[in-house]
Amino acid sequence: MFFYQIRHADFLHSFFSTISYHLEPNGWGTKYPKLLNDLYYKKLNCSDIPEAIREVEEIREKLVELEPLQMIWDIEDLSKQPPWGKNISHDITNLSNYFKTSDGRDLFDLLLKALNDANEDRFDLEISSV
């Protein structure tokens, strides 16, 4: 069993909210079901990991085109803002490098590591709060 520390649940919801808002015009999980439906709400079966990896790579590519201030904190309430407001590090140049874990790692890198580890060891992947 492997554990990967991300950050507070609101932050993770923001990551998925940003993806859905900007890249899924037909609603949550319609374009990226493995990531936004299976992994976010349930668990990702090991047989679906290669598709989830493709989704993550495509999402990352597309978010390069969006400005940091286009981040969505909560797709259910677009008026909500992150605790840091518009005070964004100069190192963050677009939405593909906006999301960092509590230890400063890029969330896309961590997610791809978790997916690749799960794929290699043939286990399901699940998000849980500890």
N, C-alpha and C. Protein backbone atom coordinates (compact mmCIF):
# COMPACT_ATOMS: atom_id res chain seq x y z
N MET A 1 0.84 -1.18 0.00
CA MET A 1 0.00 0.00 0.00
C MET A 1 0.89 1.24 0.00
N PHE A 2 0.53 2.20 -0.82
CA PHE A 2 1.26 3.45 -0.91
C PHE A 2 0.35 4.60 -0.51
N PHE A 3 0.92 5.62 0.10
CA PHE A 3 0.19 6.83 0.44
C PHE A 3 0.91 8.02 -0.16
N TYR A 4 0.15 8.96 -0.71
CA TYR A 4 0.70 10.17 -1.29
C TYR A 4 -0.04 11.34 -0.67
N GLN A 5 0.68 12.21 0.00
CA GLN A 5 0.07 13.35 0.65
C GLN A 5 -0.15 14.46 -0.37
N ILE A 6 -1.37 14.99 -0.39
CA ILE A 6 -1.68 16.05 -1.35
C ILE A 6 -1.81 17.39 -0.64
N ARG A 7 -2.90 17.59 0.01
CA ARG A 7 -3.19 18.84 0.70
C ARG A 7 -4.60 18.74 1.26
N HIS A 8 -5.15 19.84 1.70
CA HIS A 8 -6.51 19.88 2.23
C HIS A 8 -7.52 19.47 1.16
N ALA A 9 -8.64 18.91 1.57
CA ALA A 9 -9.68 18.45 0.64
C ALA A 9 -10.20 19.57 -0.26
N ASP A 10 -10.32 20.79 0.26
CA ASP A 10 -10.77 21.92 -0.55
C ASP A 10 -9.83 22.18 -1.73
N PHE A 11 -8.55 22.03 -1.47
CA PHE A 11 -7.55 22.23 -2.50
C PHE A 11 -7.70 21.17 -3.60
N LEU A 12 -7.87 19.93 -3.20
CA LEU A 12 -8.04 18.86 -4.18
C LEU A 12 -9.32 19.06 -4.98
N HIS A 13 -10.38 19.48 -4.31
CA HIS A 13 -11.64 19.77 -5.01
C HIS A 13 -11.43 20.90 -6.02
N SER A 14 -10.61 21.87 -5.66
CA SER A 14 -10.31 22.97 -6.58
C SER A 14 -9.61 22.46 -7.83
N PHE A 15 -8.69 21.54 -7.66
CA PHE A 15 -7.98 20.94 -8.79
C PHE A 15 -8.98 20.31 -9.77
N PHE A 16 -9.87 19.49 -9.25
CA PHE A 16 -10.85 18.83 -10.10
C PHE A 16 -11.90 19.81 -10.62
N SER A 17 -12.26 20.80 -9.82
CA SER A 17 -13.20 21.84 -10.26
C SER A 17 -12.65 22.62 -11.44
N THR A 18 -11.37 22.97 -11.36
CA THR A 18 -10.71 23.71 -12.43
C THR A 18 -10.72 22.91 -13.73
N ILE A 19 -10.41 21.63 -13.62
CA ILE A 19 -10.40 20.76 -14.79
C ILE A 19 -11.79 20.70 -15.42
N SER A 20 -12.79 20.40 -14.61
CA SER A 20 -14.13 20.25 -15.15
C SER A 20 -14.66 21.55 -15.74
N TYR A 21 -14.49 22.64 -15.01
CA TYR A 21 -15.02 23.94 -15.46
C TYR A 21 -14.45 24.34 -16.81
N HIS A 22 -13.16 24.20 -16.97
CA HIS A 22 -12.50 24.68 -18.19
C HIS A 22 -12.46 23.67 -19.33
N LEU A 23 -12.47 22.38 -19.02
CA LEU A 23 -12.22 21.39 -20.06
C LEU A 23 -13.38 20.43 -20.32
N GLU A 24 -14.44 20.52 -19.55
CA GLU A 24 -15.57 19.63 -19.75
C GLU A 24 -16.86 20.44 -19.96
N PRO A 25 -17.09 20.90 -21.18
CA PRO A 25 -18.26 21.75 -21.44
C PRO A 25 -19.60 21.06 -21.17
N ASN A 26 -19.63 19.75 -21.17
CA ASN A 26 -20.89 19.03 -20.93
C ASN A 26 -21.06 18.58 -19.49
N GLY A 27 -20.21 19.05 -18.60
CA GLY A 27 -20.38 18.76 -17.18
C GLY A 27 -19.33 17.82 -16.62
N TRP A 28 -19.32 17.77 -15.31
CA TRP A 28 -18.34 17.03 -14.51
C TRP A 28 -18.24 15.56 -14.97
N GLY A 29 -17.03 15.16 -15.31
CA GLY A 29 -16.76 13.77 -15.64
C GLY A 29 -17.16 13.32 -17.03
N THR A 30 -17.65 14.24 -17.86
CA THR A 30 -18.12 13.84 -19.19
C THR A 30 -16.98 13.62 -20.18
N LYS A 31 -15.88 14.34 -20.00
CA LYS A 31 -14.75 14.17 -20.90
C LYS A 31 -13.63 13.34 -20.26
N TYR A 32 -13.51 13.44 -18.96
CA TYR A 32 -12.46 12.75 -18.22
C TYR A 32 -13.07 11.88 -17.12
N PRO A 33 -13.81 10.85 -17.50
CA PRO A 33 -14.55 10.05 -16.51
C PRO A 33 -13.67 9.24 -15.57
N LYS A 34 -12.55 8.77 -16.02
CA LYS A 34 -11.70 7.95 -15.14
C LYS A 34 -11.18 8.78 -13.99
N LEU A 35 -10.79 10.00 -14.27
CA LEU A 35 -10.23 10.87 -13.25
C LEU A 35 -11.32 11.53 -12.39
N LEU A 36 -12.29 12.15 -13.05
CA LEU A 36 -13.27 12.96 -12.32
C LEU A 36 -14.45 12.18 -11.76
N ASN A 37 -14.73 11.02 -12.28
CA ASN A 37 -15.80 10.20 -11.71
C ASN A 37 -15.23 9.05 -10.88
N ASP A 38 -14.46 8.19 -11.53
CA ASP A 38 -13.97 7.00 -10.83
C ASP A 38 -13.01 7.36 -9.70
N LEU A 39 -11.92 8.03 -10.00
CA LEU A 39 -10.93 8.33 -8.97
C LEU A 39 -11.48 9.31 -7.94
N TYR A 40 -12.13 10.36 -8.37
CA TYR A 40 -12.58 11.39 -7.43
C TYR A 40 -13.68 10.89 -6.50
N TYR A 41 -14.65 10.15 -7.03
CA TYR A 41 -15.80 9.75 -6.23
C TYR A 41 -15.73 8.34 -5.66
N LYS A 42 -15.00 7.45 -6.31
CA LYS A 42 -15.00 6.05 -5.88
C LYS A 42 -13.56 5.58 -5.77
N LYS A 43 -13.21 4.72 -6.69
CA LYS A 43 -11.82 4.26 -6.82
C LYS A 43 -11.58 3.97 -8.28
N LEU A 44 -10.34 4.02 -8.66
CA LEU A 44 -9.94 3.77 -10.03
C LEU A 44 -9.43 2.33 -10.11
N ASN A 45 -10.10 1.52 -10.89
CA ASN A 45 -9.68 0.13 -11.06
C ASN A 45 -8.37 0.09 -11.81
N CYS A 46 -7.53 -0.86 -11.44
CA CYS A 46 -6.20 -0.93 -12.06
C CYS A 46 -6.29 -1.11 -13.58
N SER A 47 -7.34 -1.74 -14.06
CA SER A 47 -7.49 -1.93 -15.51
C SER A 47 -7.74 -0.61 -16.24
N ASP A 48 -8.19 0.43 -15.51
CA ASP A 48 -8.49 1.73 -16.11
C ASP A 48 -7.35 2.74 -15.96
N ILE A 49 -6.28 2.35 -15.33
CA ILE A 49 -5.18 3.28 -15.08
C ILE A 49 -4.54 3.82 -16.36
N PRO A 50 -4.29 2.99 -17.38
CA PRO A 50 -3.71 3.57 -18.60
C PRO A 50 -4.56 4.69 -19.21
N GLU A 51 -5.88 4.53 -19.18
CA GLU A 51 -6.77 5.58 -19.68
C GLU A 51 -6.69 6.82 -18.78
N ALA A 52 -6.62 6.62 -17.48
CA ALA A 52 -6.51 7.76 -16.55
C ALA A 52 -5.20 8.51 -16.78
N ILE A 53 -4.14 7.80 -17.06
CA ILE A 53 -2.85 8.45 -17.35
C ILE A 53 -2.98 9.31 -18.61
N ARG A 54 -3.65 8.80 -19.62
CA ARG A 54 -3.87 9.60 -20.84
C ARG A 54 -4.69 10.85 -20.52
N GLU A 55 -5.72 10.69 -19.67
CA GLU A 55 -6.53 11.85 -19.29
C GLU A 55 -5.67 12.90 -18.59
N VAL A 56 -4.85 12.49 -17.64
CA VAL A 56 -4.02 13.42 -16.89
C VAL A 56 -3.05 14.15 -17.82
N GLU A 57 -2.43 13.43 -18.72
CA GLU A 57 -1.49 14.06 -19.65
C GLU A 57 -2.18 15.06 -20.56
N GLU A 58 -3.37 14.73 -21.04
CA GLU A 58 -4.11 15.65 -21.89
C GLU A 58 -4.55 16.89 -21.11
N ILE A 59 -5.03 16.69 -19.91
CA ILE A 59 -5.47 17.80 -19.07
C ILE A 59 -4.30 18.75 -18.82
N ARG A 60 -3.17 18.20 -18.46
CA ARG A 60 -2.00 19.03 -18.18
C ARG A 60 -1.62 19.87 -19.40
N GLU A 61 -1.64 19.25 -20.57
CA GLU A 61 -1.34 19.98 -21.81
C GLU A 61 -2.30 21.14 -22.03
N LYS A 62 -3.58 20.91 -21.80
CA LYS A 62 -4.58 21.94 -22.06
C LYS A 62 -4.55 23.06 -21.03
N LEU A 63 -4.21 22.74 -19.78
CA LEU A 63 -4.18 23.77 -18.75
C LEU A 63 -3.01 24.73 -18.90
N VAL A 64 -2.02 24.37 -19.71
CA VAL A 64 -0.90 25.28 -20.00
C VAL A 64 -1.42 26.57 -20.62
N GLU A 65 -2.51 26.47 -21.35
CA GLU A 65 -3.06 27.61 -22.07
C GLU A 65 -3.86 28.58 -21.20
N LEU A 66 -4.08 28.22 -19.93
CA LEU A 66 -4.93 29.05 -19.06
C LEU A 66 -4.11 29.76 -17.99
N GLU A 67 -4.49 31.00 -17.72
CA GLU A 67 -3.81 31.85 -16.75
C GLU A 67 -4.08 31.39 -15.31
N PRO A 68 -3.15 31.63 -14.39
CA PRO A 68 -3.35 31.23 -12.99
C PRO A 68 -4.62 31.80 -12.36
N LEU A 69 -4.99 33.01 -12.73
CA LEU A 69 -6.19 33.61 -12.14
C LEU A 69 -7.49 32.96 -12.64
N GLN A 70 -7.39 32.03 -13.57
CA GLN A 70 -8.57 31.30 -14.05
C GLN A 70 -8.85 30.05 -13.22
N MET A 71 -8.08 29.85 -12.15
CA MET A 71 -8.30 28.72 -11.26
C MET A 71 -9.69 28.80 -10.65
N ILE A 72 -10.34 27.67 -10.53
CA ILE A 72 -11.68 27.60 -9.93
C ILE A 72 -11.53 26.95 -8.56
N TRP A 73 -11.95 27.65 -7.52
CA TRP A 73 -11.83 27.10 -6.18
C TRP A 73 -12.94 26.08 -5.91
N ASP A 74 -14.15 26.38 -6.37
CA ASP A 74 -15.27 25.47 -6.11
C ASP A 74 -16.28 25.60 -7.24
N ILE A 75 -16.41 24.57 -8.03
CA ILE A 75 -17.29 24.61 -9.20
C ILE A 75 -18.76 24.77 -8.80
N GLU A 76 -19.11 24.37 -7.57
CA GLU A 76 -20.50 24.53 -7.12
C GLU A 76 -20.79 25.96 -6.66
N ASP A 77 -19.74 26.72 -6.34
CA ASP A 77 -19.92 28.11 -5.91
C ASP A 77 -18.75 28.92 -6.47
N LEU A 78 -18.94 29.45 -7.66
CA LEU A 78 -17.87 30.16 -8.35
C LEU A 78 -17.43 31.45 -7.67
N SER A 79 -18.18 31.91 -6.68
CA SER A 79 -17.78 33.12 -5.96
C SER A 79 -16.69 32.82 -4.92
N LYS A 80 -16.52 31.56 -4.55
CA LYS A 80 -15.50 31.21 -3.56
C LYS A 80 -14.11 31.39 -4.14
N GLN A 81 -13.21 31.86 -3.28
CA GLN A 81 -11.81 32.10 -3.65
C GLN A 81 -10.90 31.33 -2.70
N PRO A 82 -9.68 31.03 -3.13
CA PRO A 82 -8.74 30.35 -2.24
C PRO A 82 -8.34 31.26 -1.08
N PRO A 83 -7.88 30.68 0.01
CA PRO A 83 -7.48 31.49 1.18
C PRO A 83 -6.41 32.53 0.85
N TRP A 84 -5.56 32.26 -0.14
CA TRP A 84 -4.49 33.20 -0.50
C TRP A 84 -4.96 34.24 -1.51
N GLY A 85 -6.22 34.16 -1.93
CA GLY A 85 -6.77 35.14 -2.86
C GLY A 85 -6.03 35.18 -4.18
N LYS A 86 -5.65 36.37 -4.60
CA LYS A 86 -4.93 36.54 -5.87
C LYS A 86 -3.42 36.64 -5.66
N ASN A 87 -2.97 36.35 -4.46
CA ASN A 87 -1.55 36.40 -4.13
C ASN A 87 -0.89 35.10 -4.58
N ILE A 88 -0.48 35.07 -5.85
CA ILE A 88 0.04 33.86 -6.48
C ILE A 88 1.54 34.04 -6.74
N SER A 89 2.30 33.00 -6.45
CA SER A 89 3.75 33.03 -6.67
C SER A 89 4.07 33.31 -8.14
N HIS A 90 5.17 34.01 -8.38
CA HIS A 90 5.59 34.31 -9.75
C HIS A 90 6.05 33.06 -10.48
N ASP A 91 6.33 31.98 -9.73
CA ASP A 91 6.73 30.71 -10.34
C ASP A 91 5.56 30.03 -11.05
N ILE A 92 4.35 30.41 -10.68
CA ILE A 92 3.16 29.83 -11.28
C ILE A 92 2.80 30.66 -12.51
N THR A 93 2.92 30.05 -13.67
CA THR A 93 2.75 30.79 -14.92
C THR A 93 1.47 30.41 -15.67
N ASN A 94 0.86 29.30 -15.31
CA ASN A 94 -0.38 28.85 -15.95
C ASN A 94 -1.03 27.81 -15.04
N LEU A 95 -2.19 27.30 -15.44
CA LEU A 95 -2.89 26.35 -14.58
C LEU A 95 -2.27 24.96 -14.55
N SER A 96 -1.36 24.66 -15.46
CA SER A 96 -0.72 23.35 -15.41
C SER A 96 0.32 23.27 -14.30
N ASN A 97 0.81 24.41 -13.83
CA ASN A 97 1.78 24.37 -12.73
C ASN A 97 1.28 25.14 -11.50
N TYR A 98 0.00 25.33 -11.42
CA TYR A 98 -0.62 26.06 -10.31
C TYR A 98 -0.71 25.20 -9.04
N PHE A 99 -1.06 23.94 -9.20
CA PHE A 99 -1.40 23.09 -8.07
C PHE A 99 -0.17 22.37 -7.51
N LYS A 100 0.16 22.70 -6.26
CA LYS A 100 1.31 22.11 -5.57
C LYS A 100 0.82 21.39 -4.31
N THR A 101 1.47 20.29 -3.99
CA THR A 101 1.12 19.55 -2.77
C THR A 101 1.64 20.31 -1.56
N SER A 102 1.31 19.82 -0.37
CA SER A 102 1.73 20.50 0.85
C SER A 102 3.25 20.51 1.01
N ASP A 103 3.95 19.57 0.36
CA ASP A 103 5.42 19.58 0.42
C ASP A 103 6.05 20.22 -0.82
N GLY A 104 5.24 20.92 -1.64
CA GLY A 104 5.76 21.69 -2.76
C GLY A 104 5.90 20.95 -4.07
N ARG A 105 5.46 19.70 -4.13
CA ARG A 105 5.54 18.94 -5.38
C ARG A 105 4.40 19.33 -6.31
N ASP A 106 4.66 19.23 -7.59
CA ASP A 106 3.63 19.49 -8.59
C ASP A 106 2.57 18.39 -8.49
N LEU A 107 1.31 18.78 -8.40
CA LEU A 107 0.24 17.80 -8.22
C LEU A 107 0.11 16.87 -9.43
N PHE A 108 0.35 17.38 -10.62
CA PHE A 108 0.31 16.50 -11.80
C PHE A 108 1.41 15.44 -11.72
N ASP A 109 2.61 15.84 -11.30
CA ASP A 109 3.71 14.88 -11.15
C ASP A 109 3.35 13.81 -10.13
N LEU A 110 2.80 14.23 -9.00
CA LEU A 110 2.43 13.29 -7.95
C LEU A 110 1.33 12.34 -8.43
N LEU A 111 0.34 12.89 -9.11
CA LEU A 111 -0.75 12.07 -9.61
C LEU A 111 -0.25 11.04 -10.62
N LEU A 112 0.62 11.46 -11.52
CA LEU A 112 1.18 10.52 -12.49
C LEU A 112 2.05 9.47 -11.80
N LYS A 113 2.78 9.84 -10.76
CA LYS A 113 3.57 8.86 -10.02
C LYS A 113 2.66 7.83 -9.36
N ALA A 114 1.59 8.30 -8.72
CA ALA A 114 0.65 7.39 -8.08
C ALA A 114 0.00 6.46 -9.10
N LEU A 115 -0.39 7.01 -10.23
CA LEU A 115 -1.00 6.18 -11.29
C LEU A 115 -0.01 5.16 -11.83
N ASN A 116 1.20 5.58 -12.08
CA ASN A 116 2.22 4.66 -12.60
C ASN A 116 2.59 3.59 -11.57
N ASP A 117 2.70 3.96 -10.30
CA ASP A 117 2.98 2.97 -9.25
C ASP A 117 1.85 1.95 -9.15
N ALA A 118 0.62 2.44 -9.17
CA ALA A 118 -0.54 1.54 -9.09
C ALA A 118 -0.60 0.63 -10.31
N ASN A 119 -0.29 1.17 -11.47
CA ASN A 119 -0.31 0.38 -12.70
C ASN A 119 0.78 -0.70 -12.65
N GLU A 120 1.95 -0.33 -12.21
CA GLU A 120 3.07 -1.27 -12.16
C GLU A 120 2.80 -2.41 -11.17
N ASP A 121 2.23 -2.06 -10.02
CA ASP A 121 1.97 -3.08 -9.00
C ASP A 121 0.58 -3.70 -9.10
N ARG A 122 -0.20 -3.25 -10.09
CA ARG A 122 -1.54 -3.81 -10.38
C ARG A 122 -2.50 -3.70 -9.20
N PHE A 123 -2.63 -2.49 -8.66
CA PHE A 123 -3.63 -2.28 -7.61
C PHE A 123 -4.51 -1.10 -7.95
N ASP A 124 -5.70 -1.09 -7.36
CA ASP A 124 -6.64 0.00 -7.57
C ASP A 124 -6.13 1.25 -6.84
N LEU A 125 -6.57 2.40 -7.31
CA LEU A 125 -6.15 3.67 -6.71
C LEU A 125 -7.37 4.37 -6.12
N GLU A 126 -7.20 4.93 -4.95
CA GLU A 126 -8.32 5.54 -4.24
C GLU A 126 -7.85 6.80 -3.52
N ILE A 127 -8.70 7.80 -3.50
CA ILE A 127 -8.42 9.02 -2.74
C ILE A 127 -9.14 8.88 -1.41
N SER A 128 -8.41 9.12 -0.33
CA SER A 128 -9.05 9.08 0.98
C SER A 128 -8.45 10.15 1.88
N SER A 129 -9.22 10.54 2.83
CA SER A 129 -8.78 11.54 3.80
C SER A 129 -8.26 10.81 5.03
N VAL A 130 -7.12 11.25 5.51
CA VAL A 130 -6.53 10.59 6.67
C VAL A 130 -6.52 11.50 7.87
